[in-house]
Amino acid sequence: MKADIHPKNYRLVIFEDNSSGERFLVGSTVATTATAKWTDGNEYPLANVDVSSASHPFFTGQEKVMDTAGRVERFKARAAQAADKRKKR
């Protein structure tokens, strides 16, 4: 094995899903300054995520719109503009 190829900041991190509230404790190198307590009473770094296996439709089997950046509204606006242009022709 090569020496010094592994990251120095690998540690346990809590990932919290913003849409479902589910939390996972996994090893990661993600950069974060927030911390939170885990069920074992220890404090770990906390990283918030928008989508995880607890909220993604592929894993949950439920279809729902998860739009945190307004992408659906922008798409609908562009589609409406395109439809108006087609009608005018």
Protein backbone atom coordinates (compact mmCIF):
# COMPACT_ATOMS: atom_id res chain seq x y z
CA MET A 1 0.00 0.00 0.00
CA LYS A 2 1.09 3.53 -0.71
CA ALA A 3 1.77 5.71 2.30
CA ASP A 4 -0.14 8.96 2.96
CA ILE A 5 -2.83 8.53 0.28
CA HIS A 6 -5.82 8.42 2.61
CA PRO A 7 -7.61 11.62 3.67
CA LYS A 8 -6.73 12.98 7.09
CA ASN A 9 -10.22 14.32 7.87
CA TYR A 10 -12.14 11.03 7.54
CA ARG A 11 -14.50 10.73 10.52
CA LEU A 12 -18.07 9.83 11.48
CA VAL A 13 -20.59 12.46 10.33
CA ILE A 14 -24.35 12.79 10.88
CA PHE A 15 -26.23 13.39 7.61
CA GLU A 16 -29.70 14.85 8.16
CA ASP A 17 -32.28 14.77 5.37
CA ASN A 18 -34.03 18.17 5.24
CA SER A 19 -37.21 16.81 3.67
CA SER A 20 -37.81 13.73 5.82
CA GLY A 21 -35.89 14.51 9.01
CA GLU A 22 -34.15 11.12 8.86
CA ARG A 23 -30.57 11.02 10.17
CA PHE A 24 -27.67 8.72 9.23
CA LEU A 25 -24.28 8.30 10.90
CA VAL A 26 -21.63 7.38 8.33
CA GLY A 27 -17.94 7.93 7.70
CA SER A 28 -17.19 10.93 5.49
CA THR A 29 -14.73 13.69 4.65
CA VAL A 30 -17.44 16.33 4.09
CA ALA A 31 -16.50 19.80 5.36
CA THR A 32 -18.95 21.11 7.96
CA THR A 33 -18.82 23.28 11.06
CA ALA A 34 -22.19 22.31 12.59
CA THR A 35 -22.39 19.56 15.19
CA ALA A 36 -25.19 17.50 16.75
CA LYS A 37 -25.65 14.74 19.29
CA TRP A 38 -26.26 11.19 18.10
CA THR A 39 -28.29 8.53 19.93
CA ASP A 40 -25.14 7.21 21.61
CA GLY A 41 -24.73 10.57 23.40
CA ASN A 42 -21.60 11.58 21.47
CA GLU A 43 -21.37 14.76 19.41
CA TYR A 44 -20.52 14.48 15.71
CA PRO A 45 -20.23 16.89 12.77
CA LEU A 46 -23.60 17.53 11.08
CA ALA A 47 -24.22 17.83 7.32
CA ASN A 48 -27.67 18.66 5.93
CA VAL A 49 -28.74 17.12 2.63
CA ASP A 50 -31.82 17.76 0.49
CA VAL A 51 -32.30 14.18 -0.75
CA SER A 52 -31.34 10.83 0.76
CA SER A 53 -32.59 7.27 0.52
CA ALA A 54 -35.22 8.21 3.12
CA SER A 55 -36.84 10.79 0.82
CA HIS A 56 -35.90 9.84 -2.75
CA PRO A 57 -38.88 8.48 -4.75
CA PHE A 58 -36.84 5.53 -6.08
CA PHE A 59 -36.28 4.20 -2.56
CA THR A 60 -39.59 5.21 -0.99
CA GLY A 61 -41.88 4.19 -3.85
CA GLN A 62 -43.81 7.44 -3.45
CA GLU A 63 -43.92 10.01 -6.21
CA LYS A 64 -43.53 13.55 -4.93
CA VAL A 65 -42.06 16.79 -6.21
CA MET A 66 -38.93 17.80 -4.33
CA ASP A 67 -38.07 21.29 -5.54
CA THR A 68 -35.81 23.27 -3.26
CA ALA A 69 -34.40 25.68 -5.83
CA GLY A 70 -37.54 26.68 -7.78
CA ARG A 71 -36.63 24.57 -10.80
CA VAL A 72 -40.17 23.32 -11.40
CA GLU A 73 -41.61 26.84 -11.48
CA ARG A 74 -38.89 28.03 -13.88
CA PHE A 75 -39.53 25.04 -16.16
CA LYS A 76 -43.28 25.69 -16.18
CA ALA A 77 -42.67 29.36 -17.01
CA ARG A 78 -40.39 28.45 -19.92
CA ALA A 79 -42.90 25.89 -21.18
CA ALA A 80 -45.69 28.49 -21.04
CA GLN A 81 -43.55 30.99 -23.00
CA ALA A 82 -42.80 28.37 -25.64
CA ALA A 83 -46.50 27.51 -25.94
CA ASP A 84 -47.37 31.21 -26.38
CA LYS A 85 -44.77 31.58 -29.13
CA ARG A 86 -46.19 28.53 -30.95
CA LYS A 87 -49.72 29.97 -30.75
CA LYS A 88 -48.58 33.28 -32.25
CA ARG A 89 -47.08 31.53 -35.30
